[in-house]
């Protein structure tokens, strides 16, 4: 893109003929917004386009989005001129005078100009960005170039340009004699394309922004909103609108002679919109296992920031005949699993019972994991209080067990935030729980007798009773109770074999279902009295807290070479059920 062309295009709605021999427009020419992608040299059909529809319930707070620093936004002589460029009205700023930094931006930016987008004279609003599909009457964009970069360098960087977007709301009682009245008085002097006049009034950018709280804003990475739509913009869209009188809003389409000068919203294509810590966001939609909420397991993929529709989801049905032996699946090293004071407290999350461990104490390594993992917590999945209840998440040859215990660990070299974005960031150990020894079952979907994990009879009920004695104290959701009894993870696991297991790559089994888990599912089950298992649904107050099995897709299940019973054996390869971290 040539320098001169870019200067014209930089306005994001600021005027340009970016296609050789062809003029773009919003309406009335060959290259309307739906055809901007066909303009020579255009990026308008790429995947990181602007504007977008911002859905606050899908937005994530970013603690790094602190306060901005604005230089000369209060200067009443910084606005140099106002121009009609045939696509919008643009106010040019004095060179190297107005600057913006902070707010999570990567450096200091020099503000070049600001311009406007609007609809028609009566009934159609014209902001470019929308909030939950709502379009404001107008939008103002302050366009800045990162200092230290040439224009060519800036348009080649994802954040070479910073644009501050302000919604403009039309009110019945706005000030008709203030700074907006002064600014709009110039519109009658720029009625034709190419008209430009100097600003002689004392008007500052702060005067126009008014009392908007500039600590509340959204941030996403996008593009210019006019051809060539370069994907080089760090967008800031302020939550609070500028309120001006409706009659002043109408002067833009009326006097400038332009209507509906805004680009339609573009797909996010997987991008995340963030919010500053000061920005209030609506509560996340509730999810559940049964039908008492809108987001049951079949709809988890519709939740904000959800990965629940991915192809590496957990839990799965483990088909033993298809498991492949992996000689690299050696023995684990369990550090402080025998510590009788490692469990800090037990909590009722509303989705499970979770036991939270002391920080940086319990660790897991070996077992083919390739990293050392810090163990964070363990939690349980169960069915109902009935005698034949089945509530495990994983199944083996279609057999579901009464309960399942998940021990969740995070890679020691990663933060939790980084771990949930890394394919092997989490390691989860899954143990089946049942009330009697089982070696054979005909419950597979095929009707044939299959081999299932055998049960360890050495797990002491004394320790499970110590654990379940705490459950009466967490009958309310979000309640928790400190663990003072001497009780270790080893005590709960008993003598169950930890050498024979399955391994596969998967996900958390609760929203957001991040595909970051190396799963280990042990073949031998833990034996627990049925009366103690029933205490989980009884005191927690909810039943059937397990996600249905997910498709394996192209994944392979691996197994250790050690087998606890005759018949085919199977194994698993990478991590996935940190669900309870978010429970």
Protein backbone atom coordinates (compact mmCIF):
# COMPACT_ATOMS: atom_id res chain seq x y z
CA UNK A 1 0.00 0.00 0.00
CA UNK A 2 1.48 3.34 -0.98
CA UNK A 3 2.10 5.97 1.69
CA UNK A 4 -0.28 8.50 0.18
CA UNK A 5 -3.02 5.93 -0.17
CA UNK A 6 -2.58 4.81 3.41
CA UNK A 7 -2.80 8.33 4.75
CA UNK A 8 -6.17 8.56 3.06
CA UNK A 9 -7.29 5.13 4.22
CA UNK A 10 -6.07 5.63 7.75
CA UNK A 11 -9.25 7.40 8.68
CA UNK A 12 -11.24 4.23 9.14
CA UNK A 13 -14.12 5.66 7.44
CA UNK A 14 -12.04 8.60 6.51
CA UNK A 15 -12.05 8.87 2.70
CA UNK A 16 -10.26 7.01 0.12
CA UNK A 17 -9.99 5.59 -3.28
CA UNK A 18 -8.03 2.52 -2.36
CA UNK A 19 -8.67 0.56 -5.51
CA UNK A 20 -6.86 1.53 -8.65
CA UNK A 21 -9.40 3.13 -10.93
CA UNK A 22 -12.32 2.16 -8.67
CA UNK A 23 -14.07 4.13 -5.95
CA UNK A 24 -15.61 2.45 -2.92
CA UNK A 25 -18.76 3.63 -1.20
CA UNK A 26 -21.37 2.66 1.37
CA UNK A 27 -24.24 2.82 -1.16
CA UNK A 28 -24.68 3.72 -4.82
CA UNK A 29 -21.53 2.41 -6.52
CA UNK A 30 -19.98 -0.86 -7.65
CA UNK A 31 -17.87 -1.38 -4.54
CA UNK A 32 -20.33 -1.36 -1.62
CA UNK A 33 -19.28 -3.00 1.69
CA UNK A 34 -20.19 -6.52 0.57
CA UNK A 35 -17.76 -6.12 -2.35
CA UNK A 36 -14.91 -4.31 -0.63
CA UNK A 37 -13.10 -7.64 -0.50
CA UNK A 38 -12.92 -7.59 -4.31
CA UNK A 39 -10.96 -4.34 -4.41
CA UNK A 40 -7.38 -4.83 -5.54
CA UNK A 41 -5.01 -5.00 -2.58
CA UNK A 42 -7.86 -5.21 -0.11
CA UNK A 43 -7.80 -7.07 3.21
CA UNK A 44 -11.55 -6.60 3.67
CA UNK A 45 -12.30 -10.31 3.30
CA UNK A 46 -9.81 -11.46 5.94
CA UNK A 47 -10.54 -12.92 9.38
CA UNK A 48 -9.76 -10.03 11.76
CA UNK A 49 -12.10 -7.36 10.48
CA UNK A 50 -13.88 -4.46 12.15
CA UNK A 51 -16.35 -3.34 13.35
CA UNK A 52 -17.85 -6.12 15.49
CA UNK A 53 -20.88 -6.71 17.65
CA UNK A 54 -19.76 -6.69 21.29
CA UNK A 55 -21.70 -9.09 23.51
CA UNK A 56 -20.89 -8.12 27.12
CA UNK A 57 -21.81 -11.58 28.45
CA UNK A 58 -19.08 -13.01 26.18
CA UNK A 59 -16.45 -10.46 27.22
CA UNK A 60 -13.53 -11.38 29.50
CA UNK A 61 -12.03 -8.92 31.99
CA UNK A 62 -8.33 -8.25 31.41
CA UNK A 63 -6.52 -6.89 34.50
CA UNK A 64 -3.83 -5.43 32.24
CA UNK A 65 -6.24 -2.88 30.76
CA UNK A 66 -5.44 -0.07 33.16
CA UNK A 67 -6.01 3.66 32.85
CA UNK A 68 -5.01 5.65 29.78
CA UNK A 69 -2.68 8.62 29.68
CA UNK A 70 -3.97 11.35 27.37
CA UNK A 71 -1.65 14.17 26.28
CA UNK A 72 -3.22 17.44 25.07
CA UNK A 73 -6.75 16.05 24.98
CA UNK A 74 -7.57 19.23 26.91
CA UNK A 75 -5.87 21.52 24.38
CA UNK A 76 -8.42 23.87 22.83
CA UNK A 77 -6.17 24.52 19.85
CA UNK A 78 -5.26 20.95 18.84
CA UNK A 79 -8.14 20.55 16.35
CA UNK A 80 -6.82 22.09 13.15
CA UNK A 81 -9.55 21.73 10.50
CA UNK A 82 -12.73 19.88 9.50
CA UNK A 83 -13.15 18.21 6.13
CA UNK A 84 -15.79 16.41 4.06
CA UNK A 85 -13.93 13.61 2.30
CA UNK A 86 -16.92 12.10 0.53
CA UNK A 87 -17.28 9.27 3.03
CA UNK A 88 -17.40 11.07 6.39
CA UNK A 89 -16.57 14.29 8.20
CA UNK A 90 -13.04 14.30 9.56
CA UNK A 91 -11.35 16.64 12.03
CA UNK A 92 -7.59 16.87 11.55
CA UNK A 93 -5.32 17.39 14.55
CA UNK A 94 -2.09 19.37 14.75
CA UNK A 95 0.99 17.25 14.07
CA UNK A 96 2.78 15.58 16.99
CA UNK A 97 0.66 17.30 19.59
CA UNK A 98 -2.01 14.87 20.82
CA UNK A 99 -0.93 11.50 22.24
CA UNK A 100 -2.40 8.47 23.98
CA UNK A 101 -0.73 5.68 25.95
CA UNK A 102 -1.55 3.26 28.75
CA UNK A 103 -4.83 1.38 28.70
CA UNK A 104 -2.97 -1.81 27.82
CA UNK A 105 -1.63 -0.31 24.58
CA UNK A 106 1.80 -1.35 23.37
CA UNK A 107 3.52 2.03 23.46
CA UNK A 108 2.63 5.66 22.83
CA UNK A 109 0.44 6.68 19.87
CA UNK A 110 0.21 10.02 18.09
CA UNK A 111 -3.38 11.03 17.35
CA UNK A 112 -3.85 12.15 13.72
CA UNK A 113 -7.56 12.81 13.38
CA UNK A 114 -11.04 11.92 14.48
CA UNK A 115 -14.10 11.32 12.35
CA UNK A 116 -17.70 10.14 12.55
CA UNK A 117 -20.09 7.42 11.38
CA UNK A 118 -23.87 7.94 11.29
CA UNK A 119 -27.10 6.73 9.73
CA UNK A 120 -29.79 8.78 8.04
CA UNK A 121 -31.66 11.89 9.07
CA UNK A 122 -34.51 10.22 10.93
CA UNK A 123 -34.92 6.58 11.88
CA UNK A 124 -31.73 4.62 11.18
CA UNK A 125 -28.81 4.75 13.63
CA UNK A 126 -25.28 4.58 12.27
CA UNK A 127 -22.63 3.52 14.79
CA UNK A 128 -20.20 0.96 13.42
CA UNK A 129 -19.78 -1.15 16.55
CA UNK A 130 -22.87 -2.50 18.24
CA UNK A 131 -23.55 -3.72 21.79
CA UNK A 132 -25.71 -6.85 22.00
CA UNK A 133 -26.90 -5.93 18.52
CA UNK A 134 -27.86 -2.39 19.54
CA UNK A 135 -26.62 0.30 17.16
CA UNK A 136 -26.15 3.83 18.54
CA UNK A 137 -27.06 6.92 16.47
CA UNK A 138 -23.39 7.78 15.81
CA UNK A 139 -19.82 6.78 16.57
CA UNK A 140 -16.66 8.88 16.84
CA UNK A 141 -13.21 7.41 16.08
CA UNK A 142 -9.95 8.97 17.24
CA UNK A 143 -7.20 7.50 15.04
CA UNK A 144 -3.59 7.27 16.23
CA UNK A 145 -0.33 5.90 14.82
CA UNK A 146 2.22 4.19 17.06
CA UNK A 147 5.22 6.45 17.66
CA UNK A 148 8.53 5.19 16.37
CA UNK A 149 6.97 3.36 13.42
CA UNK A 150 6.81 4.42 9.83
CA UNK A 151 3.42 4.21 8.19
CA UNK A 152 4.49 1.08 6.31
CA UNK A 153 5.71 -0.54 9.52
CA UNK A 154 2.50 0.40 11.35
CA UNK A 155 0.16 -1.17 8.82
CA UNK A 156 2.17 -4.39 8.96
CA UNK A 157 1.82 -4.72 12.74
CA UNK A 158 -1.29 -5.99 14.48
CA UNK A 159 -1.27 -2.95 16.78
CA UNK A 160 0.46 -0.36 14.63
CA UNK A 161 -2.69 1.77 14.80
CA UNK A 162 -4.84 2.51 17.86
CA UNK A 163 -8.39 3.73 17.50
CA UNK A 164 -10.55 5.04 20.33
CA UNK A 165 -14.23 4.53 19.60
CA UNK A 166 -16.98 6.52 21.32
CA UNK A 167 -20.68 5.83 20.90
CA UNK A 168 -22.81 8.95 20.51
CA UNK A 169 -26.30 8.92 21.91
CA UNK A 170 -29.05 11.34 20.81
CA UNK A 171 -30.89 12.92 23.74
CA UNK A 172 -33.82 15.28 24.15
CA UNK A 173 -32.08 17.59 26.61
CA UNK A 174 -28.47 17.96 25.47
CA UNK A 175 -26.62 21.27 25.49
CA UNK A 176 -27.42 23.21 22.31
CA UNK A 177 -24.80 25.90 22.92
CA UNK A 178 -21.74 23.94 24.02
CA UNK A 179 -18.74 22.41 22.19
CA UNK A 180 -20.88 20.13 20.01
CA UNK A 181 -22.92 23.10 18.88
CA UNK A 182 -19.69 24.89 17.94
CA UNK A 183 -18.31 21.86 16.07
CA UNK A 184 -21.49 21.16 14.12
CA UNK A 185 -21.73 24.81 13.09
CA UNK A 186 -18.92 24.07 10.62
CA UNK A 187 -20.89 21.30 8.86
CA UNK A 188 -22.72 23.78 6.65
CA UNK A 189 -19.29 24.88 5.33
CA UNK A 190 -18.24 21.36 4.25
CA UNK A 191 -21.28 20.20 2.32
CA UNK A 192 -19.36 18.89 -0.69
CA UNK A 193 -16.63 16.30 -1.07
CA UNK A 194 -13.24 17.94 -0.68
CA UNK A 195 -14.49 20.92 1.33
CA UNK A 196 -12.21 21.76 4.25
CA UNK A 197 -12.23 24.71 6.64
CA UNK A 198 -10.11 25.69 9.62
CA UNK A 199 -11.51 25.40 13.14
CA UNK A 200 -11.49 28.81 14.76
CA UNK A 201 -13.41 28.00 17.94
CA UNK A 202 -11.69 26.86 21.12
CA UNK A 203 -12.74 23.20 21.28
CA UNK A 204 -10.80 20.38 22.91
CA UNK A 205 -11.20 16.65 22.53
CA UNK A 206 -12.10 16.46 26.22
CA UNK A 207 -14.84 19.05 25.60
CA UNK A 208 -16.41 16.68 23.05
CA UNK A 209 -15.99 13.54 25.16
CA UNK A 210 -17.65 15.20 28.14
CA UNK A 211 -18.21 13.09 31.25
CA UNK A 212 -17.66 9.66 29.70
CA UNK A 213 -15.87 7.38 32.18
CA UNK A 214 -12.73 6.52 30.24
CA UNK A 215 -11.71 3.75 32.63
CA UNK A 216 -14.56 1.62 31.27
CA UNK A 217 -13.81 0.18 27.85
CA UNK A 218 -13.64 -2.89 25.61
CA UNK A 219 -10.53 -4.00 23.73
CA UNK A 220 -10.07 -6.28 20.75
CA UNK A 221 -7.73 -6.60 17.79
CA UNK A 222 -9.20 -5.63 14.45
CA UNK A 223 -8.89 -3.64 11.28
CA UNK A 224 -9.55 -0.35 9.59
CA UNK A 225 -13.26 -0.15 8.81
CA UNK A 226 -12.79 1.20 5.28
CA UNK A 227 -10.78 -0.18 2.36
CA UNK A 228 -8.13 -1.46 2.38
CA UNK A 229 -9.28 -2.74 5.81
CA UNK A 230 -5.70 -3.36 7.02
CA UNK A 231 -5.69 -5.63 10.07
CA UNK A 232 -3.46 -3.35 12.10
CA UNK A 233 -5.73 -1.84 14.74
CA UNK A 234 -5.87 -2.16 18.52
CA UNK A 235 -9.48 -1.15 19.10
CA UNK A 236 -10.74 0.55 22.23
CA UNK A 237 -14.51 0.99 22.42
CA UNK A 238 -15.68 2.94 25.44
CA UNK A 239 -18.69 1.56 27.25
CA UNK A 240 -20.40 4.85 28.11
CA UNK A 241 -21.77 6.94 25.21
CA UNK A 242 -21.33 10.65 24.61
CA UNK A 243 -24.75 12.28 25.01
CA UNK A 244 -25.59 15.14 22.67
CA UNK A 245 -28.87 16.71 21.61
CA UNK A 246 -30.71 14.84 18.88
CA UNK A 247 -30.97 17.97 16.76
CA UNK A 248 -27.16 18.21 16.64
CA UNK A 249 -26.92 14.55 15.65
CA UNK A 250 -29.22 15.22 12.72
CA UNK A 251 -26.93 17.96 11.41
CA UNK A 252 -24.34 15.39 10.30
CA UNK A 253 -26.44 13.66 7.61
CA UNK A 254 -28.42 16.83 6.93
CA UNK A 255 -25.54 19.27 6.31
CA UNK A 256 -22.80 16.89 5.14
CA UNK A 257 -25.14 15.34 2.61
CA UNK A 258 -24.05 11.78 3.49
CA UNK A 259 -26.23 9.04 4.98
CA UNK A 260 -25.64 5.57 6.41
CA UNK A 261 -21.86 5.95 6.46
CA UNK A 262 -21.00 2.85 8.47
CA UNK A 263 -19.71 -0.63 7.69
CA UNK A 264 -21.84 -3.59 8.88
CA UNK A 265 -20.43 -5.64 11.76
CA UNK A 266 -17.97 -8.41 10.87
CA UNK A 267 -17.58 -11.93 12.32
CA UNK A 268 -15.29 -12.29 15.33
CA UNK A 269 -13.83 -15.51 13.89
CA UNK A 270 -12.63 -16.74 17.26
CA UNK A 271 -11.30 -13.40 18.53
CA UNK A 272 -11.82 -12.51 22.16
CA UNK A 273 -13.16 -9.14 23.26
CA UNK A 274 -11.72 -8.00 26.60
CA UNK A 275 -12.87 -5.42 29.12
CA UNK A 276 -11.01 -3.16 31.52
CA UNK A 277 -11.39 -4.08 35.20
CA UNK A 278 -13.61 -1.04 35.77
CA UNK A 279 -16.12 -2.18 33.14
CA UNK A 280 -19.17 -3.87 34.68
CA UNK A 281 -20.06 -7.11 32.90
CA UNK A 282 -23.23 -9.20 33.21
CA UNK A 283 -22.93 -12.49 35.08
CA UNK A 284 -21.95 -15.49 33.00
CA UNK A 285 -24.88 -17.66 31.94
CA UNK A 286 -25.40 -20.56 34.36
CA UNK A 287 -24.72 -24.07 33.18
CA UNK A 288 -26.02 -27.28 34.65
CA UNK A 289 -26.24 -31.03 34.15
CA UNK A 290 -30.03 -31.39 34.29
CA UNK A 291 -32.82 -29.29 32.77
CA UNK A 292 -33.12 -26.59 35.46
CA UNK A 293 -31.13 -24.08 33.39
CA UNK A 294 -30.79 -23.06 29.74
CA UNK A 295 -27.31 -24.49 29.27
CA UNK A 296 -27.47 -28.25 29.68
CA UNK A 297 -24.52 -30.36 28.38
CA UNK A 298 -25.90 -30.43 24.83
CA UNK A 299 -25.77 -26.62 24.80
CA UNK A 300 -22.47 -26.02 26.60
CA UNK A 301 -20.85 -25.22 23.27
CA UNK A 302 -23.05 -22.11 23.08
CA UNK A 303 -21.65 -20.62 26.29
CA UNK A 304 -19.30 -17.61 26.10
CA UNK A 305 -15.64 -18.54 25.57
CA UNK A 306 -16.63 -22.19 25.32
CA UNK A 307 -14.53 -24.94 23.75
CA UNK A 308 -17.18 -27.57 24.49
CA UNK A 309 -17.85 -28.14 20.79
CA UNK A 310 -14.24 -29.07 20.00
CA UNK A 311 -12.95 -32.37 18.68
CA UNK A 312 -10.79 -33.26 21.68
CA UNK A 313 -13.45 -33.33 24.36
CA UNK A 314 -13.80 -35.40 27.53
CA UNK A 315 -15.01 -37.71 28.98
CA UNK A 316 -14.99 -40.60 26.52
CA UNK A 317 -15.93 -44.24 26.35
CA UNK A 318 -12.75 -46.32 26.53
CA UNK A 319 -12.94 -49.26 24.16
CA UNK A 320 -10.34 -51.66 25.46
CA UNK A 321 -9.95 -53.59 22.22
CA UNK A 322 -8.81 -50.45 20.40
CA UNK A 323 -6.31 -49.26 23.02
CA UNK A 324 -2.68 -49.31 21.94
CA UNK A 325 0.12 -50.23 24.29
CA UNK A 326 2.68 -47.49 24.88
CA UNK A 327 5.94 -48.53 26.54
CA UNK A 328 6.60 -44.92 27.56
CA UNK A 329 3.75 -45.02 30.05
CA UNK A 330 5.89 -45.82 33.07
CA UNK A 331 5.26 -45.45 36.79
CA UNK A 332 4.24 -42.15 38.33
CA UNK A 333 6.05 -40.31 41.08
CA UNK A 334 3.56 -39.06 43.66
CA UNK A 335 5.05 -36.33 45.87
CA UNK A 336 3.27 -35.61 49.17
CA UNK A 337 0.27 -37.76 48.19
CA UNK A 338 0.84 -39.25 51.67
CA UNK A 339 0.72 -35.88 53.46
CA UNK A 340 -2.16 -36.08 55.96
CA UNK A 341 -2.49 -32.29 56.14
CA UNK A 342 -2.39 -31.45 52.44
CA UNK A 343 -6.18 -31.00 52.08
CA UNK A 344 -6.99 -27.40 52.98
CA UNK A 345 -10.78 -27.36 52.69
CA UNK A 346 -13.78 -29.02 51.06
CA UNK A 347 -16.35 -26.97 49.14
CA UNK A 348 -19.72 -27.46 47.48
CA UNK A 349 -19.35 -25.80 44.09
CA UNK A 350 -22.93 -26.31 42.99
CA UNK A 351 -21.70 -28.84 40.45
CA UNK A 352 -19.47 -31.11 42.54
CA UNK A 353 -17.75 -31.64 45.87
CA UNK A 354 -14.19 -30.36 45.60
CA UNK A 355 -11.25 -30.84 47.96
CA UNK A 356 -8.75 -28.00 47.61
CA UNK A 357 -5.10 -28.70 48.46
CA UNK A 358 -2.48 -26.48 50.04
CA UNK A 359 -0.46 -24.48 47.52
CA UNK A 360 2.77 -25.84 46.05
CA UNK A 361 2.81 -28.95 48.21
CA UNK A 362 1.53 -31.99 46.30
CA UNK A 363 3.14 -32.88 42.98
CA UNK A 364 2.85 -35.42 40.19
CA UNK A 365 5.45 -36.53 37.63
CA UNK A 366 6.48 -39.56 35.62
CA UNK A 367 3.81 -41.68 33.97
CA UNK A 368 4.88 -40.46 30.55
CA UNK A 369 3.77 -36.90 31.34
CA UNK A 370 7.11 -35.29 30.53
CA UNK A 371 6.63 -32.48 33.07
CA UNK A 372 6.24 -31.95 36.79
CA UNK A 373 2.68 -31.01 37.76
CA UNK A 374 1.43 -29.22 40.89
CA UNK A 375 -1.69 -30.88 42.22
CA UNK A 376 -4.44 -28.34 42.90
CA UNK A 377 -7.53 -30.24 43.94
CA UNK A 378 -9.63 -33.37 43.57
CA UNK A 379 -13.36 -33.66 43.11
CA UNK A 380 -16.10 -36.20 42.47
CA UNK A 381 -18.80 -37.08 39.93
CA UNK A 382 -21.78 -39.21 40.91
CA UNK A 383 -25.29 -40.30 40.00
CA UNK A 384 -28.18 -40.56 42.48
CA UNK A 385 -28.90 -42.15 45.87
CA UNK A 386 -30.44 -45.26 44.29
CA UNK A 387 -28.85 -48.65 44.79
CA UNK A 388 -27.95 -49.10 41.12
CA UNK A 389 -26.92 -45.48 40.46
CA UNK A 390 -24.21 -44.87 37.87
CA UNK A 391 -22.41 -41.53 37.74
CA UNK A 392 -18.84 -41.86 36.47
CA UNK A 393 -17.83 -39.61 33.62
CA UNK A 394 -15.61 -42.03 31.74
CA UNK A 395 -16.95 -45.40 30.76
CA UNK A 396 -15.08 -48.59 29.87
CA UNK A 397 -16.55 -50.68 27.09
CA UNK A 398 -19.74 -48.69 27.72
CA UNK A 399 -19.84 -49.58 31.41
CA UNK A 400 -20.49 -46.62 33.72
CA UNK A 401 -19.34 -46.83 37.33
CA UNK A 402 -21.16 -45.44 40.40
CA UNK A 403 -18.67 -42.59 40.91
CA UNK A 404 -15.44 -41.12 39.59
CA UNK A 405 -12.73 -39.14 41.37
CA UNK A 406 -10.58 -36.62 39.49
CA UNK A 407 -7.23 -35.41 40.81
CA UNK A 408 -6.37 -32.20 38.97
CA UNK A 409 -2.80 -30.93 38.48
CA UNK A 410 -1.25 -28.01 36.61
CA UNK A 411 2.11 -27.91 34.90
CA UNK A 412 4.50 -26.47 37.46
CA UNK A 413 6.25 -24.23 34.91
CA UNK A 414 3.01 -22.55 33.80
CA UNK A 415 0.51 -20.20 35.36
CA UNK A 416 -3.03 -21.51 35.48
CA UNK A 417 -4.01 -19.01 32.79
CA UNK A 418 -1.29 -20.34 30.51
CA UNK A 419 -1.98 -23.97 31.44
CA UNK A 420 -5.58 -23.95 30.28
CA UNK A 421 -4.40 -22.69 26.89
CA UNK A 422 -1.71 -25.39 26.52
CA UNK A 423 -2.54 -28.91 25.18
CA UNK A 424 -0.70 -30.59 28.08
CA UNK A 425 -1.08 -27.77 30.58
CA UNK A 426 -3.19 -29.89 32.92
CA UNK A 427 -2.96 -33.50 34.04
CA UNK A 428 -5.98 -35.23 35.53
CA UNK A 429 -5.96 -38.63 37.21
CA UNK A 430 -9.32 -40.40 37.02
CA UNK A 431 -10.26 -43.18 39.45
CA UNK A 432 -13.48 -45.18 39.22
CA UNK A 433 -15.31 -45.77 42.51
CA UNK A 434 -17.64 -48.72 43.14
CA UNK A 435 -19.02 -50.64 46.08
CA UNK A 436 -18.01 -54.19 45.24
CA UNK A 437 -15.34 -56.08 43.35
CA UNK A 438 -16.22 -56.46 39.66
CA UNK A 439 -14.16 -58.38 37.16
CA UNK A 440 -16.72 -59.28 34.51
CA UNK A 441 -19.63 -57.41 33.01
CA UNK A 442 -22.07 -57.94 30.19
CA UNK A 443 -23.22 -54.35 30.17
CA UNK A 444 -21.42 -53.32 27.03
CA UNK A 445 -23.47 -52.03 24.15
CA UNK A 446 -22.48 -55.03 22.11
CA UNK A 447 -23.89 -57.43 24.66
CA UNK A 448 -20.61 -59.32 24.87
CA UNK A 449 -18.77 -60.00 28.08
CA UNK A 450 -15.99 -57.43 28.53
CA UNK A 451 -13.04 -56.90 30.79
CA UNK A 452 -13.40 -54.00 33.27
CA UNK A 453 -11.19 -52.46 35.92
CA UNK A 454 -11.06 -54.71 38.95
CA UNK A 455 -11.72 -53.27 42.39
CA UNK A 456 -9.19 -52.78 45.17
CA UNK A 457 -10.54 -54.05 48.47
CA UNK A 458 -7.75 -52.46 50.49
CA UNK A 459 -9.12 -48.93 50.51
CA UNK A 460 -9.84 -48.20 54.14
CA UNK A 461 -13.38 -47.09 54.91
CA UNK A 462 -12.00 -45.26 57.93
CA UNK A 463 -10.59 -42.52 55.68
CA UNK A 464 -13.62 -42.29 53.41
CA UNK A 465 -15.73 -41.88 56.53
CA UNK A 466 -13.43 -39.05 57.64
CA UNK A 467 -13.95 -37.39 54.27
CA UNK A 468 -17.74 -37.83 54.09
CA UNK A 469 -18.17 -36.67 57.69
CA UNK A 470 -17.45 -33.17 56.34
CA UNK A 471 -20.30 -33.24 53.81
CA UNK A 472 -23.05 -32.23 56.23
CA UNK A 473 -21.22 -28.89 56.68
CA UNK A 474 -21.35 -27.99 52.96
CA UNK A 475 -25.01 -28.52 52.15
CA UNK A 476 -25.28 -24.97 50.84
CA UNK A 477 -23.75 -24.16 47.45
CA UNK A 478 -20.48 -22.23 47.78
CA UNK A 479 -20.09 -23.30 51.39
CA UNK A 480 -16.79 -24.80 52.52
CA UNK A 481 -15.32 -26.46 55.56
CA UNK A 482 -11.70 -26.72 56.70
CA UNK A 483 -10.23 -30.20 56.94
CA UNK A 484 -8.64 -30.78 60.33
CA UNK A 485 -8.70 -34.57 60.30
CA UNK A 486 -5.52 -36.37 59.33
CA UNK A 487 -6.33 -37.52 55.81
CA UNK A 488 -4.15 -37.94 52.72
CA UNK A 489 -4.82 -38.67 49.06
CA UNK A 490 -2.99 -41.98 49.51
CA UNK A 491 -5.43 -42.86 52.31
CA UNK A 492 -8.37 -42.43 49.93
CA UNK A 493 -6.74 -44.32 47.06
CA UNK A 494 -5.79 -47.24 49.29
CA UNK A 495 -4.01 -50.09 47.54
CA UNK A 496 -5.52 -49.50 44.12
CA UNK A 497 -2.92 -50.20 41.43
CA UNK A 498 -1.42 -47.02 39.97
CA UNK A 499 0.73 -48.84 37.43
CA UNK A 500 -2.06 -49.90 35.08
CA UNK A 501 -3.92 -47.13 33.30
CA UNK A 502 -5.25 -45.61 30.09
CA UNK A 503 -3.97 -42.36 28.60
CA UNK A 504 -5.49 -39.95 26.05
CA UNK A 505 -5.57 -36.27 25.15
CA UNK A 506 -8.74 -34.46 26.17
CA UNK A 507 -10.42 -31.54 27.85
CA UNK A 508 -11.97 -30.25 31.02
CA UNK A 509 -15.32 -31.95 31.47
CA UNK A 510 -17.14 -28.78 32.54
CA UNK A 511 -17.39 -25.40 30.81
CA UNK A 512 -15.34 -23.91 29.32
CA UNK A 513 -14.13 -27.43 28.36
CA UNK A 514 -10.60 -26.21 27.54
CA UNK A 515 -8.75 -28.82 25.51
CA UNK A 516 -5.71 -28.70 27.78
CA UNK A 517 -5.77 -32.04 29.61
CA UNK A 518 -3.61 -35.13 29.57
CA UNK A 519 -5.97 -37.73 30.95
CA UNK A 520 -4.96 -40.76 32.95
CA UNK A 521 -7.80 -43.17 33.75
CA UNK A 522 -6.79 -46.01 36.08
CA UNK A 523 -8.00 -49.52 35.38
CA UNK A 524 -8.51 -50.61 38.97
CA UNK A 525 -11.38 -49.01 40.82
CA UNK A 526 -11.52 -47.83 44.43
CA UNK A 527 -13.91 -49.74 46.70
CA UNK A 528 -16.13 -47.55 48.91
CA UNK A 529 -19.17 -48.50 50.95
CA UNK A 530 -22.38 -47.70 49.12
CA UNK A 531 -23.72 -45.82 52.15
CA UNK A 532 -20.77 -43.42 51.99
CA UNK A 533 -21.19 -42.88 48.26
CA UNK A 534 -24.84 -41.96 48.79
CA UNK A 535 -23.77 -39.14 51.10
CA UNK A 536 -22.43 -37.13 48.15
CA UNK A 537 -25.79 -36.59 46.39
CA UNK A 538 -27.63 -36.50 49.72
CA UNK A 539 -25.68 -33.62 51.25
CA UNK A 540 -24.67 -31.78 48.08
CA UNK A 541 -28.33 -31.67 47.06
CA UNK A 542 -28.02 -32.58 43.36
CA UNK A 543 -27.82 -35.73 41.24
CA UNK A 544 -26.24 -37.05 38.05
CA UNK A 545 -23.30 -34.65 37.97
CA UNK A 546 -21.48 -36.11 35.01
CA UNK A 547 -21.04 -35.11 31.39
CA UNK A 548 -22.09 -37.66 28.75
CA UNK A 549 -19.34 -39.38 26.75
CA UNK A 550 -17.91 -37.33 23.89
CA UNK A 551 -16.78 -38.53 20.48
CA UNK A 552 -13.20 -39.77 20.21
CA UNK A 553 -12.76 -38.39 16.67
CA UNK A 554 -9.21 -39.15 15.47
CA UNK A 555 -7.64 -39.54 18.91
CA UNK A 556 -5.89 -42.68 20.08
CA UNK A 557 -6.31 -44.23 23.52
CA UNK A 558 -3.11 -45.70 24.89
CA UNK A 559 -2.59 -48.23 27.65
CA UNK A 560 0.18 -49.41 29.89
CA UNK A 561 1.60 -52.84 29.25
CA UNK A 562 0.66 -53.95 32.74
CA UNK A 563 -2.77 -55.56 32.95
CA UNK A 564 -4.82 -56.27 36.03
CA UNK A 565 -7.06 -58.83 34.33
CA UNK A 566 -7.10 -61.00 31.22
CA UNK A 567 -8.41 -59.79 27.91
CA UNK A 568 -7.66 -56.71 25.87
CA UNK A 569 -6.11 -53.81 27.69
CA UNK A 570 -6.20 -50.14 26.87
CA UNK A 571 -4.49 -46.92 27.69
CA UNK A 572 -4.80 -43.16 27.48
CA UNK A 573 -2.60 -40.29 26.25
CA UNK A 574 -3.12 -36.54 27.11
CA UNK A 575 -5.02 -34.34 29.62
CA UNK A 576 -8.53 -33.05 30.09
CA UNK A 577 -10.86 -32.61 33.10
CA UNK A 578 -9.83 -29.64 35.16
CA UNK A 579 -13.47 -28.87 35.25
CA UNK A 580 -13.59 -28.39 38.96
CA UNK A 581 -11.10 -25.58 38.91
CA UNK A 582 -13.96 -23.56 37.48
CA UNK A 583 -16.72 -25.25 39.42
